[in-house]
N, C-alpha and C. Protein backbone atom coordinates (compact mmCIF):
# COMPACT_ATOMS: atom_id res chain seq x y z
N UNK A 1 40.57 -25.67 15.88
CA UNK A 1 39.94 -26.05 14.63
C UNK A 1 38.79 -25.12 14.28
N UNK A 2 37.94 -24.75 15.29
CA UNK A 2 36.81 -23.86 15.04
C UNK A 2 37.28 -22.49 14.58
N UNK A 3 38.35 -22.00 15.14
CA UNK A 3 38.87 -20.70 14.74
C UNK A 3 39.36 -20.74 13.30
N UNK A 4 40.00 -21.86 12.93
CA UNK A 4 40.47 -22.02 11.55
C UNK A 4 39.29 -21.97 10.57
N UNK A 5 38.21 -22.69 10.88
CA UNK A 5 37.02 -22.71 10.01
C UNK A 5 36.42 -21.31 9.92
N UNK A 6 36.34 -20.61 11.05
CA UNK A 6 35.82 -19.25 11.06
C UNK A 6 36.67 -18.33 10.19
N UNK A 7 37.98 -18.45 10.27
CA UNK A 7 38.88 -17.60 9.49
C UNK A 7 38.75 -17.87 7.99
N UNK A 8 38.42 -19.10 7.63
CA UNK A 8 38.28 -19.44 6.21
C UNK A 8 36.94 -18.97 5.66
N UNK A 9 35.86 -19.18 6.41
CA UNK A 9 34.52 -18.90 5.87
C UNK A 9 34.04 -17.46 6.07
N UNK A 10 34.56 -16.75 7.07
CA UNK A 10 34.12 -15.38 7.29
C UNK A 10 34.38 -14.47 6.09
N UNK A 11 35.57 -14.51 5.48
CA UNK A 11 35.77 -13.67 4.28
C UNK A 11 34.82 -14.04 3.13
N UNK A 12 34.50 -15.33 3.00
CA UNK A 12 33.59 -15.75 1.92
C UNK A 12 32.19 -15.19 2.15
N UNK A 13 31.73 -15.23 3.40
CA UNK A 13 30.41 -14.68 3.73
C UNK A 13 30.39 -13.18 3.49
N UNK A 14 31.46 -12.50 3.84
CA UNK A 14 31.54 -11.05 3.65
C UNK A 14 31.48 -10.69 2.17
N UNK A 15 32.19 -11.43 1.33
CA UNK A 15 32.17 -11.17 -0.11
C UNK A 15 30.78 -11.43 -0.67
N UNK A 16 30.16 -12.54 -0.28
CA UNK A 16 28.81 -12.86 -0.77
C UNK A 16 27.82 -11.79 -0.34
N UNK A 17 27.91 -11.33 0.89
CA UNK A 17 27.00 -10.29 1.37
C UNK A 17 27.20 -9.00 0.56
N UNK A 18 28.43 -8.66 0.27
CA UNK A 18 28.71 -7.46 -0.52
C UNK A 18 28.17 -7.54 -1.92
N UNK A 19 28.15 -8.75 -2.51
CA UNK A 19 27.64 -8.90 -3.88
C UNK A 19 26.13 -8.80 -3.94
N UNK A 20 25.44 -9.26 -2.91
CA UNK A 20 23.99 -9.36 -2.98
C UNK A 20 23.25 -8.37 -2.10
N UNK A 21 23.95 -7.58 -1.32
CA UNK A 21 23.25 -6.69 -0.41
C UNK A 21 22.50 -5.58 -1.11
N UNK A 22 22.85 -5.25 -2.38
CA UNK A 22 22.15 -4.19 -3.08
C UNK A 22 20.86 -4.68 -3.73
N UNK A 23 20.46 -5.91 -3.48
CA UNK A 23 19.23 -6.42 -4.05
C UNK A 23 18.03 -6.14 -3.17
N UNK A 24 18.18 -5.20 -2.26
CA UNK A 24 17.08 -4.74 -1.42
C UNK A 24 17.08 -3.22 -1.48
N UNK A 25 15.95 -2.63 -1.82
CA UNK A 25 15.89 -1.18 -2.04
C UNK A 25 15.95 -0.36 -0.75
N UNK A 26 15.04 -0.61 0.20
CA UNK A 26 14.76 0.27 1.32
C UNK A 26 15.99 0.66 2.12
N UNK A 27 15.88 1.58 3.08
CA UNK A 27 14.67 2.36 3.36
C UNK A 27 14.49 3.48 2.34
N UNK A 28 13.27 3.98 2.22
CA UNK A 28 12.96 4.95 1.19
C UNK A 28 12.93 6.36 1.74
N UNK A 29 13.29 7.28 0.90
CA UNK A 29 13.18 8.69 1.22
C UNK A 29 12.04 9.25 0.38
N UNK A 30 10.91 9.52 1.02
CA UNK A 30 9.76 10.07 0.33
C UNK A 30 9.87 11.59 0.24
N UNK A 31 10.85 12.08 -0.50
CA UNK A 31 10.96 13.52 -0.71
C UNK A 31 11.42 14.25 0.55
N UNK A 32 11.33 15.56 0.50
CA UNK A 32 11.81 16.40 1.60
C UNK A 32 10.89 16.28 2.81
N UNK A 33 11.45 15.89 3.92
CA UNK A 33 10.74 15.84 5.20
C UNK A 33 9.48 14.97 5.16
N UNK A 34 9.46 13.98 4.29
CA UNK A 34 8.30 13.08 4.19
C UNK A 34 7.00 13.82 3.93
N UNK A 35 7.03 14.93 3.18
CA UNK A 35 5.83 15.68 2.89
C UNK A 35 5.08 15.02 1.73
N UNK A 36 3.77 15.30 1.65
CA UNK A 36 2.96 14.80 0.55
C UNK A 36 3.21 15.64 -0.70
N UNK A 37 3.01 15.05 -1.88
CA UNK A 37 3.23 15.79 -3.11
C UNK A 37 1.99 16.60 -3.51
N UNK A 38 0.88 16.39 -2.81
CA UNK A 38 -0.35 17.13 -3.12
C UNK A 38 -1.07 17.53 -1.85
N UNK A 39 -2.09 18.36 -2.02
CA UNK A 39 -3.06 18.62 -0.97
C UNK A 39 -4.39 18.06 -1.48
N UNK A 40 -5.32 17.83 -0.57
CA UNK A 40 -6.60 17.26 -0.98
C UNK A 40 -7.29 18.12 -2.04
N UNK A 41 -7.90 17.45 -2.99
CA UNK A 41 -8.72 18.05 -4.05
C UNK A 41 -7.94 18.97 -4.98
N UNK A 42 -6.63 18.78 -5.04
CA UNK A 42 -5.79 19.56 -5.95
C UNK A 42 -5.00 18.62 -6.86
N UNK A 43 -4.65 19.12 -8.03
CA UNK A 43 -3.83 18.34 -8.96
C UNK A 43 -2.38 18.34 -8.53
N UNK A 44 -1.61 17.42 -9.10
CA UNK A 44 -0.17 17.39 -8.84
C UNK A 44 0.56 16.76 -10.01
N UNK A 45 1.86 17.03 -10.06
CA UNK A 45 2.74 16.48 -11.07
C UNK A 45 4.02 16.08 -10.37
N UNK A 46 4.34 14.78 -10.38
CA UNK A 46 5.55 14.29 -9.72
C UNK A 46 6.40 13.54 -10.73
N UNK A 47 7.67 13.91 -10.84
CA UNK A 47 8.61 13.21 -11.71
C UNK A 47 9.88 12.89 -10.94
N UNK A 48 10.35 11.66 -11.08
CA UNK A 48 11.63 11.28 -10.49
C UNK A 48 12.76 12.06 -11.16
N UNK A 49 13.87 12.23 -10.47
CA UNK A 49 15.05 12.82 -11.13
C UNK A 49 15.47 11.96 -12.33
N UNK A 50 16.18 12.58 -13.27
CA UNK A 50 16.61 11.89 -14.49
C UNK A 50 17.36 10.59 -14.15
N UNK A 51 16.97 9.50 -14.79
CA UNK A 51 17.63 8.21 -14.57
C UNK A 51 17.09 7.41 -13.41
N UNK A 52 16.04 7.94 -12.74
CA UNK A 52 15.45 7.23 -11.63
C UNK A 52 14.02 6.81 -11.96
N UNK A 53 13.53 5.79 -11.24
CA UNK A 53 12.18 5.26 -11.46
C UNK A 53 11.45 5.16 -10.12
N UNK A 54 10.13 5.06 -10.19
CA UNK A 54 9.30 4.92 -8.99
C UNK A 54 9.52 3.54 -8.37
N UNK A 55 9.77 3.50 -7.05
CA UNK A 55 9.95 2.22 -6.36
C UNK A 55 9.03 2.08 -5.14
N UNK A 56 8.31 3.14 -4.79
CA UNK A 56 7.39 3.06 -3.65
C UNK A 56 6.30 4.11 -3.80
N UNK A 57 5.10 3.74 -3.36
CA UNK A 57 3.94 4.63 -3.42
C UNK A 57 3.26 4.60 -2.07
N UNK A 58 3.00 5.78 -1.52
CA UNK A 58 2.33 5.88 -0.22
C UNK A 58 1.14 6.81 -0.35
N UNK A 59 0.03 6.49 0.34
CA UNK A 59 -1.17 7.30 0.23
C UNK A 59 -2.06 7.12 1.45
N UNK A 60 -2.78 8.19 1.80
CA UNK A 60 -3.78 8.13 2.86
C UNK A 60 -5.09 8.69 2.31
N UNK A 61 -6.21 8.13 2.77
CA UNK A 61 -7.54 8.46 2.26
C UNK A 61 -8.30 9.29 3.28
N UNK A 62 -9.10 10.25 2.78
CA UNK A 62 -9.97 11.04 3.66
C UNK A 62 -11.34 11.20 3.03
N UNK A 63 -12.34 10.61 3.67
CA UNK A 63 -13.72 10.74 3.17
C UNK A 63 -14.20 12.18 3.28
N UNK A 64 -13.86 12.84 4.38
CA UNK A 64 -14.35 14.21 4.60
C UNK A 64 -13.69 15.22 3.67
N UNK A 65 -12.57 14.86 3.06
CA UNK A 65 -11.88 15.74 2.10
C UNK A 65 -12.24 15.37 0.67
N UNK A 66 -13.51 15.07 0.44
CA UNK A 66 -13.97 14.75 -0.92
C UNK A 66 -13.60 13.35 -1.37
N UNK A 67 -13.47 12.43 -0.40
CA UNK A 67 -13.05 11.06 -0.72
C UNK A 67 -11.78 11.07 -1.57
N UNK A 68 -10.84 11.90 -1.16
CA UNK A 68 -9.59 12.06 -1.90
C UNK A 68 -8.43 11.48 -1.10
N UNK A 69 -7.28 11.43 -1.74
CA UNK A 69 -6.07 10.90 -1.12
C UNK A 69 -4.92 11.88 -1.20
N UNK A 70 -4.06 11.82 -0.19
CA UNK A 70 -2.74 12.42 -0.27
C UNK A 70 -1.78 11.37 -0.82
N UNK A 71 -0.81 11.80 -1.61
CA UNK A 71 0.11 10.87 -2.28
C UNK A 71 1.56 11.28 -2.04
N UNK A 72 2.42 10.27 -2.03
CA UNK A 72 3.85 10.50 -2.04
C UNK A 72 4.54 9.32 -2.72
N UNK A 73 5.72 9.58 -3.27
CA UNK A 73 6.43 8.60 -4.07
C UNK A 73 7.91 8.60 -3.71
N UNK A 74 8.54 7.45 -3.87
CA UNK A 74 9.99 7.33 -3.69
C UNK A 74 10.60 6.85 -5.00
N UNK A 75 11.78 7.38 -5.30
CA UNK A 75 12.49 7.04 -6.53
C UNK A 75 13.85 6.43 -6.19
N UNK A 76 14.35 5.60 -7.09
CA UNK A 76 15.70 5.06 -6.99
C UNK A 76 16.30 5.02 -8.39
N UNK A 77 17.63 5.11 -8.51
CA UNK A 77 18.24 5.00 -9.83
C UNK A 77 17.97 3.62 -10.44
N UNK A 78 17.71 3.61 -11.74
CA UNK A 78 17.58 2.33 -12.46
C UNK A 78 18.93 1.64 -12.47
N UNK A 79 18.91 0.34 -12.68
CA UNK A 79 20.14 -0.44 -12.72
C UNK A 79 21.10 0.12 -13.76
N UNK A 80 22.39 0.08 -13.46
CA UNK A 80 23.40 0.56 -14.40
C UNK A 80 23.37 -0.22 -15.70
N UNK A 81 22.90 -1.46 -15.65
CA UNK A 81 22.86 -2.27 -16.88
C UNK A 81 21.88 -1.71 -17.90
N UNK A 82 20.92 -0.88 -17.45
CA UNK A 82 19.97 -0.27 -18.38
C UNK A 82 20.55 0.96 -19.06
N UNK A 83 21.57 1.56 -18.47
CA UNK A 83 22.13 2.78 -19.03
C UNK A 83 21.27 3.99 -18.70
N UNK A 84 21.40 5.03 -19.48
CA UNK A 84 20.63 6.26 -19.30
C UNK A 84 19.31 6.19 -20.06
N UNK A 85 18.26 6.88 -19.59
CA UNK A 85 17.02 6.92 -20.36
C UNK A 85 17.25 7.60 -21.70
N UNK A 86 16.68 7.02 -22.76
CA UNK A 86 16.85 7.60 -24.10
C UNK A 86 15.71 8.53 -24.46
N UNK A 87 14.54 8.37 -23.82
CA UNK A 87 13.43 9.31 -24.02
C UNK A 87 12.43 9.13 -22.89
N UNK A 88 11.70 10.22 -22.60
CA UNK A 88 10.64 10.18 -21.58
C UNK A 88 9.42 10.92 -22.11
N UNK A 89 8.22 10.55 -21.63
CA UNK A 89 6.99 11.14 -22.14
C UNK A 89 5.86 10.90 -21.15
N UNK A 90 4.75 11.63 -21.34
CA UNK A 90 3.52 11.43 -20.58
C UNK A 90 2.60 10.53 -21.38
N UNK A 91 2.06 9.49 -20.75
CA UNK A 91 1.11 8.60 -21.41
C UNK A 91 -0.25 9.26 -21.50
N UNK A 92 -1.19 8.58 -22.16
CA UNK A 92 -2.55 9.08 -22.29
C UNK A 92 -3.21 9.17 -20.91
N UNK A 93 -4.20 10.03 -20.81
CA UNK A 93 -4.91 10.24 -19.55
C UNK A 93 -5.88 9.09 -19.29
N UNK A 94 -5.88 8.60 -18.04
CA UNK A 94 -6.86 7.62 -17.58
C UNK A 94 -7.97 8.38 -16.87
N UNK A 95 -9.18 8.28 -17.38
CA UNK A 95 -10.29 9.12 -16.93
C UNK A 95 -10.78 8.78 -15.52
N UNK A 96 -11.25 9.80 -14.83
CA UNK A 96 -11.81 9.64 -13.49
C UNK A 96 -13.12 8.87 -13.54
N UNK A 97 -13.38 8.12 -12.47
CA UNK A 97 -14.65 7.41 -12.35
C UNK A 97 -14.75 6.12 -13.12
N UNK A 98 -13.68 5.69 -13.77
CA UNK A 98 -13.71 4.45 -14.55
C UNK A 98 -12.57 3.52 -14.11
N UNK A 99 -12.74 2.24 -14.41
CA UNK A 99 -11.64 1.29 -14.22
C UNK A 99 -10.73 1.37 -15.43
N UNK A 100 -9.45 1.12 -15.22
CA UNK A 100 -8.54 1.15 -16.36
C UNK A 100 -7.31 0.29 -16.12
N UNK A 101 -6.65 -0.01 -17.23
CA UNK A 101 -5.42 -0.81 -17.25
C UNK A 101 -4.48 -0.12 -18.21
N UNK A 102 -3.26 0.16 -17.77
CA UNK A 102 -2.31 0.80 -18.67
C UNK A 102 -0.87 0.45 -18.31
N UNK A 103 -0.10 0.16 -19.36
CA UNK A 103 1.35 0.03 -19.21
C UNK A 103 2.00 1.15 -20.01
N UNK A 104 3.21 1.49 -19.64
CA UNK A 104 3.96 2.46 -20.43
C UNK A 104 4.18 1.89 -21.84
N UNK A 105 3.90 2.68 -22.84
CA UNK A 105 4.15 2.25 -24.22
C UNK A 105 5.65 2.20 -24.48
N UNK A 106 6.01 1.60 -25.60
CA UNK A 106 7.41 1.60 -26.06
C UNK A 106 8.38 1.04 -25.01
N UNK A 107 7.89 0.07 -24.22
CA UNK A 107 8.70 -0.60 -23.19
C UNK A 107 9.23 0.35 -22.11
N UNK A 108 8.47 1.42 -21.84
CA UNK A 108 8.91 2.38 -20.84
C UNK A 108 8.67 1.91 -19.41
N UNK A 109 9.32 2.59 -18.47
CA UNK A 109 9.18 2.33 -17.04
C UNK A 109 8.58 3.58 -16.38
N UNK A 110 7.77 3.37 -15.35
CA UNK A 110 7.10 4.49 -14.69
C UNK A 110 8.11 5.29 -13.86
N UNK A 111 8.19 6.58 -14.20
CA UNK A 111 9.11 7.48 -13.51
C UNK A 111 8.39 8.69 -12.95
N UNK A 112 7.05 8.66 -12.96
CA UNK A 112 6.31 9.78 -12.40
C UNK A 112 4.81 9.60 -12.56
N UNK A 113 4.06 10.46 -11.86
CA UNK A 113 2.60 10.45 -11.89
C UNK A 113 2.10 11.88 -12.00
N UNK A 114 1.03 12.05 -12.75
CA UNK A 114 0.33 13.32 -12.81
C UNK A 114 -1.14 13.04 -12.58
N UNK A 115 -1.81 13.91 -11.82
CA UNK A 115 -3.19 13.63 -11.47
C UNK A 115 -3.97 14.93 -11.28
N UNK A 116 -5.25 14.87 -11.62
CA UNK A 116 -6.16 15.99 -11.43
C UNK A 116 -7.42 15.48 -10.76
N UNK A 117 -7.91 16.19 -9.75
CA UNK A 117 -9.10 15.79 -9.00
C UNK A 117 -10.35 16.38 -9.65
N UNK A 118 -11.43 15.56 -9.70
CA UNK A 118 -12.70 15.99 -10.26
C UNK A 118 -13.80 15.85 -9.21
N UNK A 119 -14.28 16.98 -8.66
CA UNK A 119 -15.29 16.92 -7.60
C UNK A 119 -16.61 16.32 -8.06
N UNK A 120 -16.90 16.39 -9.35
CA UNK A 120 -18.18 15.86 -9.85
C UNK A 120 -18.28 14.34 -9.69
N UNK A 121 -17.14 13.64 -9.69
CA UNK A 121 -17.15 12.18 -9.53
C UNK A 121 -16.39 11.73 -8.28
N UNK A 122 -15.83 12.69 -7.53
CA UNK A 122 -15.02 12.37 -6.34
C UNK A 122 -13.95 11.35 -6.68
N UNK A 123 -13.22 11.64 -7.72
CA UNK A 123 -12.14 10.75 -8.18
C UNK A 123 -11.12 11.58 -8.96
N UNK A 124 -10.03 10.92 -9.31
CA UNK A 124 -8.94 11.57 -10.03
C UNK A 124 -8.72 10.93 -11.40
N UNK A 125 -8.24 11.75 -12.34
CA UNK A 125 -7.70 11.19 -13.56
C UNK A 125 -6.19 11.09 -13.38
N UNK A 126 -5.57 10.18 -14.14
CA UNK A 126 -4.15 9.88 -13.94
C UNK A 126 -3.40 9.82 -15.26
N UNK A 127 -2.12 10.16 -15.19
CA UNK A 127 -1.18 9.93 -16.28
C UNK A 127 0.12 9.40 -15.70
N UNK A 128 0.72 8.44 -16.42
CA UNK A 128 2.05 7.96 -16.06
C UNK A 128 3.10 8.75 -16.83
N UNK A 129 4.19 9.08 -16.15
CA UNK A 129 5.38 9.62 -16.81
C UNK A 129 6.31 8.44 -17.03
N UNK A 130 6.64 8.14 -18.26
CA UNK A 130 7.38 6.93 -18.61
C UNK A 130 8.72 7.27 -19.24
N UNK A 131 9.70 6.43 -18.99
CA UNK A 131 11.02 6.59 -19.61
C UNK A 131 11.47 5.27 -20.22
N UNK A 132 12.03 5.38 -21.40
CA UNK A 132 12.54 4.22 -22.13
C UNK A 132 14.05 4.19 -21.98
N UNK A 133 14.58 2.99 -21.81
CA UNK A 133 16.01 2.80 -21.68
C UNK A 133 16.51 2.04 -22.89
N UNK A 134 17.06 2.77 -23.87
CA UNK A 134 17.54 2.19 -25.12
C UNK A 134 16.45 1.30 -25.71
N UNK A 135 16.75 0.05 -26.02
CA UNK A 135 15.73 -0.86 -26.54
C UNK A 135 15.59 -2.08 -25.63
N UNK A 136 15.68 -1.83 -24.33
CA UNK A 136 15.49 -2.91 -23.36
C UNK A 136 14.04 -3.35 -23.35
N UNK A 137 13.80 -4.64 -23.07
CA UNK A 137 12.45 -5.19 -23.11
C UNK A 137 12.07 -5.81 -21.77
N UNK A 138 10.78 -5.76 -21.42
CA UNK A 138 10.32 -6.36 -20.17
C UNK A 138 10.14 -7.87 -20.31
N UNK A 139 10.30 -8.56 -19.18
CA UNK A 139 10.00 -9.99 -19.11
C UNK A 139 9.69 -10.33 -17.66
N UNK A 140 9.19 -11.55 -17.43
CA UNK A 140 8.82 -12.00 -16.08
C UNK A 140 7.91 -10.99 -15.40
N UNK A 141 6.87 -10.54 -16.10
CA UNK A 141 5.97 -9.53 -15.55
C UNK A 141 4.91 -10.18 -14.66
N UNK A 142 4.43 -9.44 -13.68
CA UNK A 142 3.39 -9.92 -12.78
C UNK A 142 2.64 -8.74 -12.19
N UNK A 143 1.48 -9.01 -11.62
CA UNK A 143 0.69 -8.00 -10.94
C UNK A 143 0.89 -8.13 -9.43
N UNK A 144 1.03 -6.99 -8.77
CA UNK A 144 1.11 -7.00 -7.30
C UNK A 144 -0.27 -7.33 -6.74
N UNK A 145 -0.33 -7.52 -5.44
CA UNK A 145 -1.63 -7.62 -4.77
C UNK A 145 -2.28 -6.24 -4.80
N UNK A 146 -3.51 -6.16 -4.34
CA UNK A 146 -4.23 -4.88 -4.37
C UNK A 146 -3.71 -3.93 -3.29
N UNK A 147 -3.54 -2.68 -3.69
CA UNK A 147 -3.16 -1.61 -2.77
C UNK A 147 -4.18 -0.50 -2.90
N UNK A 148 -4.79 -0.05 -1.81
CA UNK A 148 -4.76 -0.66 -0.47
C UNK A 148 -5.52 -1.99 -0.48
N UNK A 149 -5.41 -2.73 0.61
CA UNK A 149 -6.09 -4.02 0.71
C UNK A 149 -7.60 -3.89 0.68
N UNK A 150 -8.12 -2.78 1.20
CA UNK A 150 -9.55 -2.48 1.20
C UNK A 150 -9.73 -1.00 0.89
N UNK A 151 -10.84 -0.66 0.25
CA UNK A 151 -11.12 0.74 -0.06
C UNK A 151 -11.09 1.58 1.22
N UNK A 152 -10.53 2.77 1.11
CA UNK A 152 -10.50 3.70 2.23
C UNK A 152 -9.33 3.52 3.19
N UNK A 153 -8.53 2.47 2.99
CA UNK A 153 -7.38 2.24 3.88
C UNK A 153 -6.15 3.00 3.38
N UNK A 154 -5.18 3.14 4.28
CA UNK A 154 -3.89 3.70 3.89
C UNK A 154 -3.20 2.72 2.96
N UNK A 155 -2.27 3.25 2.18
CA UNK A 155 -1.59 2.45 1.16
C UNK A 155 -0.09 2.67 1.27
N UNK A 156 0.66 1.58 1.19
CA UNK A 156 2.12 1.66 1.21
C UNK A 156 2.68 0.53 0.38
N UNK A 157 2.91 0.79 -0.90
CA UNK A 157 3.44 -0.21 -1.82
C UNK A 157 4.94 0.03 -1.98
N UNK A 158 5.71 -1.01 -1.72
CA UNK A 158 7.17 -0.89 -1.77
C UNK A 158 7.74 -2.00 -2.64
N UNK A 159 8.64 -1.63 -3.55
CA UNK A 159 9.37 -2.61 -4.36
C UNK A 159 10.59 -3.06 -3.55
N UNK A 160 10.52 -4.28 -3.03
CA UNK A 160 11.61 -4.75 -2.17
C UNK A 160 12.76 -5.36 -2.96
N UNK A 161 12.55 -5.72 -4.21
CA UNK A 161 13.56 -6.44 -4.96
C UNK A 161 14.18 -5.57 -6.04
N UNK A 162 15.50 -5.52 -6.06
CA UNK A 162 16.22 -4.75 -7.07
C UNK A 162 16.04 -5.40 -8.43
N UNK A 163 16.08 -4.59 -9.49
CA UNK A 163 15.94 -5.03 -10.89
C UNK A 163 14.53 -5.42 -11.27
N UNK A 164 13.53 -5.09 -10.47
CA UNK A 164 12.13 -5.17 -10.88
C UNK A 164 11.60 -3.75 -10.95
N UNK A 165 10.81 -3.49 -11.98
CA UNK A 165 10.40 -2.12 -12.26
C UNK A 165 8.89 -2.05 -12.48
N UNK A 166 8.29 -0.91 -12.09
CA UNK A 166 6.87 -0.68 -12.33
C UNK A 166 6.69 -0.21 -13.77
N UNK A 167 5.82 -0.91 -14.52
CA UNK A 167 5.56 -0.56 -15.92
C UNK A 167 4.17 0.00 -16.12
N UNK A 168 3.32 -0.05 -15.11
CA UNK A 168 1.97 0.46 -15.24
C UNK A 168 1.12 -0.03 -14.09
N UNK A 169 -0.20 0.00 -14.30
CA UNK A 169 -1.12 -0.41 -13.23
C UNK A 169 -2.49 -0.74 -13.81
N UNK A 170 -3.25 -1.48 -13.04
CA UNK A 170 -4.67 -1.66 -13.30
C UNK A 170 -5.39 -1.23 -12.03
N UNK A 171 -6.50 -0.52 -12.19
CA UNK A 171 -7.22 -0.03 -11.02
C UNK A 171 -8.70 -0.34 -11.12
N UNK A 172 -9.30 -0.54 -9.96
CA UNK A 172 -10.76 -0.66 -9.87
C UNK A 172 -11.27 0.53 -9.06
N UNK A 173 -12.44 1.00 -9.42
CA UNK A 173 -13.03 2.16 -8.76
C UNK A 173 -14.35 1.76 -8.13
N UNK A 174 -14.53 2.10 -6.85
CA UNK A 174 -15.77 1.80 -6.14
C UNK A 174 -16.65 3.04 -6.11
N UNK A 175 -17.83 2.93 -6.74
CA UNK A 175 -18.79 4.04 -6.72
C UNK A 175 -19.36 4.26 -5.34
N UNK A 176 -19.31 3.24 -4.49
CA UNK A 176 -19.81 3.36 -3.11
C UNK A 176 -18.80 4.09 -2.23
N UNK A 177 -17.56 3.63 -2.25
CA UNK A 177 -16.51 4.19 -1.39
C UNK A 177 -15.83 5.40 -2.02
N UNK A 178 -16.00 5.58 -3.32
CA UNK A 178 -15.32 6.65 -4.05
C UNK A 178 -13.81 6.59 -3.84
N UNK A 179 -13.30 5.39 -4.01
CA UNK A 179 -11.87 5.16 -3.84
C UNK A 179 -11.41 4.12 -4.85
N UNK A 180 -10.11 4.03 -5.03
CA UNK A 180 -9.51 3.08 -5.98
C UNK A 180 -8.64 2.06 -5.25
N UNK A 181 -8.57 0.87 -5.84
CA UNK A 181 -7.55 -0.11 -5.49
C UNK A 181 -6.66 -0.28 -6.70
N UNK A 182 -5.36 -0.38 -6.45
CA UNK A 182 -4.35 -0.47 -7.50
C UNK A 182 -3.65 -1.82 -7.46
N UNK A 183 -3.40 -2.38 -8.63
CA UNK A 183 -2.45 -3.47 -8.79
C UNK A 183 -1.39 -2.97 -9.76
N UNK A 184 -0.14 -2.97 -9.31
CA UNK A 184 0.93 -2.45 -10.14
C UNK A 184 1.51 -3.56 -11.02
N UNK A 185 1.82 -3.21 -12.25
CA UNK A 185 2.40 -4.15 -13.21
C UNK A 185 3.92 -4.04 -13.07
N UNK A 186 4.54 -5.13 -12.65
CA UNK A 186 5.97 -5.13 -12.33
C UNK A 186 6.69 -6.11 -13.26
N UNK A 187 7.84 -5.69 -13.79
CA UNK A 187 8.61 -6.52 -14.73
C UNK A 187 10.10 -6.41 -14.44
N UNK A 188 10.81 -7.40 -14.91
CA UNK A 188 12.27 -7.28 -15.05
C UNK A 188 12.53 -6.74 -16.44
N UNK A 189 13.74 -6.24 -16.67
CA UNK A 189 14.11 -5.72 -17.98
C UNK A 189 15.37 -6.43 -18.46
N UNK A 190 15.40 -6.70 -19.76
CA UNK A 190 16.59 -7.33 -20.33
C UNK A 190 17.78 -6.39 -20.19
N UNK A 191 18.98 -6.95 -20.14
CA UNK A 191 20.18 -6.11 -20.14
C UNK A 191 20.81 -6.06 -21.52
N UNK A 192 19.99 -6.36 -22.54
CA UNK A 192 20.41 -6.26 -23.94
C UNK A 192 19.25 -5.66 -24.74
N UNK A 193 19.56 -5.09 -25.89
CA UNK A 193 18.50 -4.56 -26.74
C UNK A 193 17.75 -5.68 -27.43
N UNK A 194 16.45 -5.48 -27.66
CA UNK A 194 15.65 -6.49 -28.32
C UNK A 194 14.70 -5.77 -29.29
N UNK A 195 14.16 -6.48 -30.27
CA UNK A 195 13.40 -5.83 -31.34
C UNK A 195 11.93 -5.55 -31.01
N UNK A 196 11.44 -5.97 -29.86
CA UNK A 196 10.01 -5.87 -29.59
C UNK A 196 9.63 -4.45 -29.17
N UNK A 197 8.49 -3.97 -29.66
CA UNK A 197 8.04 -2.63 -29.32
C UNK A 197 7.35 -2.59 -27.96
N UNK A 198 6.55 -3.60 -27.67
CA UNK A 198 5.86 -3.65 -26.37
C UNK A 198 5.51 -5.08 -26.07
N UNK A 199 5.69 -5.49 -24.83
CA UNK A 199 5.40 -6.88 -24.44
C UNK A 199 4.44 -6.88 -23.29
């Protein structure tokens, strides 16, 4: 009797696992040989390949290197339900030494980062590279916890759930530690076109 039950339910479990196993992103490939995209106190420009979005952010802090960070990013293809990106652009610059909040305009998703270091304030300015997918709209948006958990710590933010996308971030800047904490703005996207310009 036990063998009969096993023979009936094992194929069902296998099918269910196959349907839902792609709802977990990892493990991530942070570029070639896990190298950083920048060196300390230098600018950088990182863009995901066409049709891919940022799904993980990694960083380490060094006080002796001008209170700067090394950065690396991981990309994954956007869901097939979104189709191909219809346009991509660089958002406005977020100034060094200030707190800021920004989402990609025009319902875009974050597909890259650009940054320049400023020794006068021991901080960086930032720009998001955003891509729009037809007229898809965000919903069920939320803020992640703070990354890093404390100023000066290493940072490893990973999107564990498929079909959630980074749309922007809010950051706080510590004049004492000369470091930032990030909360990423994460949303789901509709699989149909909608009339809203930004939500």
